[in-house]
């Protein structure tokens, strides 16, 4: 347990920040799943539209350093390749 006032405050702030970051990661995962679902449906136009909106979500979360920029690039690359592979 925190012994000083500043340590108690940092502990409170850490809980709040962790909750915010967790919700942001959840938003990221939801965006990725939406693209995967559109790809599985087989509609290239719909998949492309969902992919474009998820790109902004991925970039925004990477800009906030919730995930690493290379991880964001990897997700975008793999999703892009999957969308392009649709007939």
Protein backbone atom coordinates (compact mmCIF):
# COMPACT_ATOMS: atom_id res chain seq x y z
CA UNK A 1 0.00 0.00 0.00
CA UNK A 2 1.15 3.54 -0.73
CA UNK A 3 2.61 5.28 2.30
CA UNK A 4 2.79 8.90 1.18
CA UNK A 5 0.18 11.29 -0.11
CA UNK A 6 1.83 11.54 -3.52
CA UNK A 7 2.06 7.75 -3.80
CA UNK A 8 -1.66 7.43 -2.94
CA UNK A 9 -2.48 10.01 -5.60
CA UNK A 10 -0.35 8.21 -8.20
CA UNK A 11 -2.15 4.97 -7.34
CA UNK A 12 -5.52 6.67 -7.89
CA UNK A 13 -4.35 8.15 -11.18
CA UNK A 14 -2.98 4.79 -12.34
CA UNK A 15 -6.39 3.16 -11.85
CA UNK A 16 -8.09 5.91 -13.85
CA UNK A 17 -5.50 5.81 -16.66
CA UNK A 18 -5.62 2.01 -16.84
CA UNK A 19 -9.40 2.10 -17.25
CA UNK A 20 -9.12 4.66 -20.06
CA UNK A 21 -6.38 2.75 -21.88
CA UNK A 22 -8.33 -0.50 -21.54
CA UNK A 23 -11.37 1.06 -23.18
CA UNK A 24 -9.20 2.41 -25.99
CA UNK A 25 -7.69 -1.05 -26.60
CA UNK A 26 -11.21 -2.49 -26.64
CA UNK A 27 -12.19 0.05 -29.31
CA UNK A 28 -9.17 -1.02 -31.35
CA UNK A 29 -10.05 -4.70 -31.11
CA UNK A 30 -13.66 -3.98 -32.06
CA UNK A 31 -12.54 -2.06 -35.16
CA UNK A 32 -10.28 -4.93 -36.23
CA UNK A 33 -13.04 -7.49 -35.66
CA UNK A 34 -15.44 -5.41 -37.76
CA UNK A 35 -13.04 -5.53 -40.71
CA UNK A 36 -12.49 -9.27 -40.26
CA UNK A 37 -16.26 -9.83 -40.18
CA UNK A 38 -16.73 -7.82 -43.40
CA UNK A 39 -13.93 -9.82 -45.06
CA UNK A 40 -15.53 -13.10 -44.00
CA UNK A 41 -18.83 -11.93 -45.49
CA UNK A 42 -17.04 -11.61 -48.84
CA UNK A 43 -18.28 -8.16 -49.84
CA UNK A 44 -15.21 -6.22 -51.00
CA UNK A 45 -16.95 -2.82 -51.13
CA UNK A 46 -18.30 -3.14 -47.59
CA UNK A 47 -14.97 -4.49 -46.34
CA UNK A 48 -13.13 -1.55 -47.91
CA UNK A 49 -15.50 0.95 -46.27
CA UNK A 50 -15.10 -0.63 -42.83
CA UNK A 51 -11.34 -0.89 -43.38
CA UNK A 52 -11.07 2.84 -44.11
CA UNK A 53 -12.90 3.74 -40.90
CA UNK A 54 -10.84 1.30 -38.84
CA UNK A 55 -7.59 2.79 -40.17
CA UNK A 56 -8.38 6.07 -38.44
CA UNK A 57 -9.15 4.23 -35.19
CA UNK A 58 -5.87 2.30 -35.37
CA UNK A 59 -3.85 5.44 -36.14
CA UNK A 60 -5.53 7.45 -33.40
CA UNK A 61 -4.77 4.81 -30.77
CA UNK A 62 -1.17 4.50 -31.97
CA UNK A 63 -0.77 8.29 -31.81
CA UNK A 64 -1.82 8.17 -28.17
CA UNK A 65 0.88 5.50 -27.62
CA UNK A 66 -1.62 2.97 -26.31
CA UNK A 67 -0.18 0.55 -28.85
CA UNK A 68 3.18 0.80 -30.58
CA UNK A 69 3.28 2.39 -34.03
CA UNK A 70 4.78 -0.78 -35.51
CA UNK A 71 1.93 -2.85 -34.14
CA UNK A 72 -0.52 -0.41 -35.71
CA UNK A 73 1.31 -0.67 -39.03
CA UNK A 74 1.27 -4.47 -38.83
CA UNK A 75 -2.51 -4.52 -38.23
CA UNK A 76 -3.14 -2.11 -41.09
CA UNK A 77 -0.91 -4.07 -43.44
CA UNK A 78 -2.52 -7.43 -42.71
CA UNK A 79 -6.04 -6.06 -42.92
CA UNK A 80 -5.21 -4.28 -46.18
CA UNK A 81 -3.80 -7.48 -47.67
CA UNK A 82 -6.89 -9.42 -46.60
CA UNK A 83 -9.23 -6.84 -48.16
CA UNK A 84 -7.24 -6.77 -51.40
CA UNK A 85 -7.30 -10.57 -51.57
CA UNK A 86 -11.10 -10.56 -51.90
CA UNK A 87 -12.26 -11.38 -55.41
